[in-house]
Amino acid sequence: MPFFTDVLLISVSILLVFVLVRYYTRKSYKKFIAQNEGKKFFCYNDRLVTKAFIETHVLPILPKEVEVVWVEKRKPISLNYKRANISAMLYEINSLNGSFPFLVTIENGTVDYISLQQQTYKAIQDPGKTQWLLDVILGIFDDSDKS
């Protein structure tokens, strides 16, 4: 019986640690959302086909207030935010549906996103659509300013 008690005690301890870590991580994420009300993010990943296109055509035209988040090997890289908070935001988006690149806004305490995967690939396949893609991106950010 002492073996069972020891195993149970260890299991409960591990579960308690897990719950506490989850609680504080979620609390930190909610604080991140509240502190970044109105912020805009452009998130893209290291997929070779899109990375060069985005870095050449899209990033230079983004408004200065847009935060750029690059995901390398499934790890978000942001100069201004803790990785855990950006990871939580991207996990929330990925669990909903869609693929990189994303335009993300934080409004009314919620994370709103738009996947630009299809538009980006159309512009890559047809360079004549590059300006169209840029207009779509800037239009989305302009619309989010008005709401």
C-alpha atoms as a PDB file:
ATOM      1  CA  MET A   1       0.000   0.000   0.000  1.00  0.00           C
ATOM      2  CA  PRO A   2       2.834   2.509   0.613  1.00  0.00           C
ATOM      3  CA  PHE A   3       3.905   2.182  -3.031  1.00  0.00           C
ATOM      4  CA  PHE A   4       0.413   3.132  -4.230  1.00  0.00           C
ATOM      5  CA  THR A   5       0.351   6.097  -1.826  1.00  0.00           C
ATOM      6  CA  ASP A   6       3.740   7.304  -3.074  1.00  0.00           C
ATOM      7  CA  VAL A   7       2.671   7.031  -6.714  1.00  0.00           C
ATOM      8  CA  LEU A   8      -0.568   8.851  -5.972  1.00  0.00           C
ATOM      9  CA  LEU A   9       1.256  11.630  -4.106  1.00  0.00           C
ATOM     10  CA  ILE A  10       3.765  12.079  -6.947  1.00  0.00           C
ATOM     11  CA  SER A  11       0.975  12.066  -9.551  1.00  0.00           C
ATOM     12  CA  VAL A  12      -1.036  14.674  -7.666  1.00  0.00           C
ATOM     13  CA  SER A  13       2.090  16.835  -7.248  1.00  0.00           C
ATOM     14  CA  ILE A  14       2.865  16.683 -10.968  1.00  0.00           C
ATOM     15  CA  LEU A  15      -0.735  17.490 -11.836  1.00  0.00           C
ATOM     16  CA  LEU A  16      -0.720  20.450  -9.438  1.00  0.00           C
ATOM     17  CA  VAL A  17       2.473  21.833 -11.000  1.00  0.00           C
ATOM     18  CA  PHE A  18       0.955  21.411 -14.469  1.00  0.00           C
ATOM     19  CA  VAL A  19      -2.241  23.217 -13.450  1.00  0.00           C
ATOM     20  CA  LEU A  20      -0.320  26.093 -11.845  1.00  0.00           C
ATOM     21  CA  VAL A  21       1.939  26.539 -14.875  1.00  0.00           C
ATOM     22  CA  ARG A  22      -1.091  26.506 -17.167  1.00  0.00           C
ATOM     23  CA  TYR A  23      -2.894  29.034 -14.950  1.00  0.00           C
ATOM     24  CA  TYR A  24       0.008  31.500 -14.898  1.00  0.00           C
ATOM     25  CA  THR A  25       0.671  31.081 -18.619  1.00  0.00           C
ATOM     26  CA  ARG A  26      -2.977  31.799 -19.407  1.00  0.00           C
ATOM     27  CA  LYS A  27      -2.975  34.757 -17.003  1.00  0.00           C
ATOM     28  CA  SER A  28       0.125  36.174 -18.734  1.00  0.00           C
ATOM     29  CA  TYR A  29      -1.521  35.723 -22.143  1.00  0.00           C
ATOM     30  CA  LYS A  30      -4.703  37.508 -21.047  1.00  0.00           C
ATOM     31  CA  LYS A  31      -2.563  40.374 -19.739  1.00  0.00           C
ATOM     32  CA  PHE A  32      -0.705  40.446 -23.084  1.00  0.00           C
ATOM     33  CA  ILE A  33      -4.030  40.724 -24.934  1.00  0.00           C
ATOM     34  CA  ALA A  34      -5.260  43.529 -22.659  1.00  0.00           C
ATOM     35  CA  GLN A  35      -1.993  45.485 -22.926  1.00  0.00           C
ATOM     36  CA  ASN A  36      -1.908  45.206 -26.708  1.00  0.00           C
ATOM     37  CA  GLU A  37      -5.444  46.320 -27.499  1.00  0.00           C
ATOM     38  CA  GLY A  38      -5.484  47.767 -31.014  1.00  0.00           C
ATOM     39  CA  LYS A  39      -2.146  46.255 -32.049  1.00  0.00           C
ATOM     40  CA  LYS A  40      -1.653  44.781 -35.487  1.00  0.00           C
ATOM     41  CA  PHE A  41       0.610  41.902 -36.409  1.00  0.00           C
ATOM     42  CA  PHE A  42       1.821  40.407 -39.658  1.00  0.00           C
ATOM     43  CA  CYS A  43       2.860  36.789 -39.092  1.00  0.00           C
ATOM     44  CA  TYR A  44       4.672  34.625 -41.615  1.00  0.00           C
ATOM     45  CA  ASN A  45       6.735  31.469 -41.493  1.00  0.00           C
ATOM     46  CA  ASP A  46       9.950  30.062 -42.906  1.00  0.00           C
ATOM     47  CA  ARG A  47       8.370  28.291 -45.869  1.00  0.00           C
ATOM     48  CA  LEU A  48      10.870  29.036 -48.631  1.00  0.00           C
ATOM     49  CA  VAL A  49       8.313  29.784 -51.337  1.00  0.00           C
ATOM     50  CA  THR A  50       6.660  32.572 -49.367  1.00  0.00           C
ATOM     51  CA  LYS A  51       9.497  33.836 -47.164  1.00  0.00           C
ATOM     52  CA  ALA A  52      11.529  35.501 -49.919  1.00  0.00           C
ATOM     53  CA  PHE A  53       8.415  36.948 -51.558  1.00  0.00           C
ATOM     54  CA  ILE A  54       7.133  38.389 -48.281  1.00  0.00           C
ATOM     55  CA  GLU A  55      10.492  39.836 -47.291  1.00  0.00           C
ATOM     56  CA  THR A  56      10.959  41.412 -50.710  1.00  0.00           C
ATOM     57  CA  HIS A  57       7.455  42.688 -51.460  1.00  0.00           C
ATOM     58  CA  VAL A  58       5.289  42.770 -48.344  1.00  0.00           C
ATOM     59  CA  LEU A  59       7.430  43.785 -45.363  1.00  0.00           C
ATOM     60  CA  PRO A  60       8.704  47.008 -46.943  1.00  0.00           C
ATOM     61  CA  ILE A  61       5.160  48.357 -47.440  1.00  0.00           C
ATOM     62  CA  LEU A  62       3.722  47.459 -44.042  1.00  0.00           C
ATOM     63  CA  PRO A  63       2.796  50.444 -41.891  1.00  0.00           C
ATOM     64  CA  LYS A  64       5.367  51.105 -39.154  1.00  0.00           C
ATOM     65  CA  GLU A  65       2.891  50.298 -36.363  1.00  0.00           C
ATOM     66  CA  VAL A  66       2.465  46.720 -37.627  1.00  0.00           C
ATOM     67  CA  GLU A  67       4.443  44.213 -35.575  1.00  0.00           C
ATOM     68  CA  VAL A  68       6.167  41.560 -37.673  1.00  0.00           C
ATOM     69  CA  VAL A  69       6.360  38.032 -36.301  1.00  0.00           C
ATOM     70  CA  TRP A  70       8.394  35.460 -38.131  1.00  0.00           C
ATOM     71  CA  VAL A  71       7.978  31.779 -37.288  1.00  0.00           C
ATOM     72  CA  GLU A  72      11.131  29.760 -37.741  1.00  0.00           C
ATOM     73  CA  LYS A  73      10.983  26.006 -37.175  1.00  0.00           C
ATOM     74  CA  ARG A  74       7.645  26.418 -35.364  1.00  0.00           C
ATOM     75  CA  LYS A  75       9.093  29.016 -32.962  1.00  0.00           C
ATOM     76  CA  PRO A  76       7.858  32.595 -33.237  1.00  0.00           C
ATOM     77  CA  ILE A  77      10.476  35.316 -33.341  1.00  0.00           C
ATOM     78  CA  SER A  78       9.406  38.764 -32.239  1.00  0.00           C
ATOM     79  CA  LEU A  79      11.709  41.465 -30.989  1.00  0.00           C
ATOM     80  CA  ASN A  80       9.095  43.111 -28.784  1.00  0.00           C
ATOM     81  CA  TYR A  81       7.119  40.328 -27.099  1.00  0.00           C
ATOM     82  CA  LYS A  82       7.655  37.240 -24.999  1.00  0.00           C
ATOM     83  CA  ARG A  83       7.721  34.091 -27.106  1.00  0.00           C
ATOM     84  CA  ALA A  84       5.157  32.368 -24.862  1.00  0.00           C
ATOM     85  CA  ASN A  85       2.535  35.046 -25.535  1.00  0.00           C
ATOM     86  CA  ILE A  86       3.105  35.114 -29.282  1.00  0.00           C
ATOM     87  CA  SER A  87       3.042  31.294 -29.313  1.00  0.00           C
ATOM     88  CA  ALA A  88      -0.274  31.293 -27.459  1.00  0.00           C
ATOM     89  CA  MET A  89      -1.713  33.796 -29.947  1.00  0.00           C
ATOM     90  CA  LEU A  90      -0.556  31.764 -32.951  1.00  0.00           C
ATOM     91  CA  TYR A  91      -1.742  28.515 -31.386  1.00  0.00           C
ATOM     92  CA  GLU A  92      -5.181  30.062 -30.916  1.00  0.00           C
ATOM     93  CA  ILE A  93      -5.213  31.090 -34.579  1.00  0.00           C
ATOM     94  CA  ASN A  94      -3.936  27.759 -35.920  1.00  0.00           C
ATOM     95  CA  SER A  95      -6.517  25.848 -33.925  1.00  0.00           C
ATOM     96  CA  LEU A  96      -9.277  27.857 -35.633  1.00  0.00           C
ATOM     97  CA  ASN A  97      -8.263  27.290 -39.244  1.00  0.00           C
ATOM     98  CA  GLY A  98      -5.999  28.921 -41.756  1.00  0.00           C
ATOM     99  CA  SER A  99      -2.385  29.060 -42.817  1.00  0.00           C
ATOM    100  CA  PHE A 100       0.478  31.531 -42.906  1.00  0.00           C
ATOM    101  CA  PRO A 101       0.784  34.375 -43.583  1.00  0.00           C
ATOM    102  CA  PHE A 102      -1.714  35.957 -41.196  1.00  0.00           C
ATOM    103  CA  LEU A 103      -2.831  39.486 -40.506  1.00  0.00           C
ATOM    104  CA  VAL A 104      -3.741  39.684 -36.834  1.00  0.00           C
ATOM    105  CA  THR A 105      -5.435  42.426 -34.854  1.00  0.00           C
ATOM    106  CA  ILE A 106      -6.307  42.571 -31.183  1.00  0.00           C
ATOM    107  CA  GLU A 107      -9.647  44.287 -30.764  1.00  0.00           C
ATOM    108  CA  ASN A 108     -12.094  44.296 -27.868  1.00  0.00           C
ATOM    109  CA  GLY A 109      -9.984  41.769 -26.011  1.00  0.00           C
ATOM    110  CA  THR A 110     -10.077  39.220 -28.803  1.00  0.00           C
ATOM    111  CA  VAL A 111      -7.617  38.118 -31.443  1.00  0.00           C
ATOM    112  CA  ASP A 112      -8.972  38.545 -34.967  1.00  0.00           C
ATOM    113  CA  TYR A 113      -7.060  37.145 -37.892  1.00  0.00           C
ATOM    114  CA  ILE A 114      -7.173  36.741 -41.628  1.00  0.00           C
ATOM    115  CA  SER A 115      -5.166  34.118 -43.456  1.00  0.00           C
ATOM    116  CA  LEU A 116      -3.554  35.433 -46.633  1.00  0.00           C
ATOM    117  CA  GLN A 117      -2.297  32.080 -47.853  1.00  0.00           C
ATOM    118  CA  GLN A 118      -4.384  31.945 -51.025  1.00  0.00           C
ATOM    119  CA  GLN A 119      -3.796  35.584 -51.955  1.00  0.00           C
ATOM    120  CA  THR A 120      -0.052  35.240 -51.352  1.00  0.00           C
ATOM    121  CA  TYR A 121       0.260  32.156 -53.544  1.00  0.00           C
ATOM    122  CA  LYS A 122      -1.748  33.837 -56.316  1.00  0.00           C
ATOM    123  CA  ALA A 123       0.661  36.779 -56.220  1.00  0.00           C
ATOM    124  CA  ILE A 124       3.697  34.478 -56.231  1.00  0.00           C
ATOM    125  CA  GLN A 125       2.377  32.533 -59.235  1.00  0.00           C
ATOM    126  CA  ASP A 126       1.365  35.684 -61.110  1.00  0.00           C
ATOM    127  CA  PRO A 127       3.721  38.600 -60.379  1.00  0.00           C
ATOM    128  CA  GLY A 128       1.103  40.917 -61.904  1.00  0.00           C
ATOM    129  CA  LYS A 129      -0.993  40.299 -58.783  1.00  0.00           C
ATOM    130  CA  THR A 130       1.668  41.532 -56.368  1.00  0.00           C
ATOM    131  CA  GLN A 131       0.188  45.019 -56.174  1.00  0.00           C
ATOM    132  CA  TRP A 132      -3.264  43.499 -55.710  1.00  0.00           C
ATOM    133  CA  LEU A 133      -1.969  41.544 -52.681  1.00  0.00           C
ATOM    134  CA  LEU A 134      -0.368  44.664 -51.231  1.00  0.00           C
ATOM    135  CA  ASP A 135      -3.633  46.574 -51.698  1.00  0.00           C
ATOM    136  CA  VAL A 136      -5.521  43.759 -49.939  1.00  0.00           C
ATOM    137  CA  ILE A 137      -3.141  43.882 -46.969  1.00  0.00           C
ATOM    138  CA  LEU A 138      -3.230  47.645 -46.617  1.00  0.00           C
ATOM    139  CA  GLY A 139      -7.014  47.638 -47.101  1.00  0.00           C
ATOM    140  CA  ILE A 140      -7.505  45.140 -44.303  1.00  0.00           C
ATOM    141  CA  PHE A 141      -5.369  47.196 -41.933  1.00  0.00           C
ATOM    142  CA  ASP A 142      -7.219  50.375 -42.964  1.00  0.00           C
ATOM    143  CA  ASP A 143     -10.577  48.697 -42.319  1.00  0.00           C
ATOM    144  CA  SER A 144      -9.469  47.583 -38.860  1.00  0.00           C
ATOM    145  CA  ASP A 145      -8.605  51.214 -38.035  1.00  0.00           C
ATOM    146  CA  LYS A 146     -12.182  52.277 -38.789  1.00  0.00           C
ATOM    147  CA  SER A 147     -13.906  49.697 -36.572  1.00  0.00           C
END
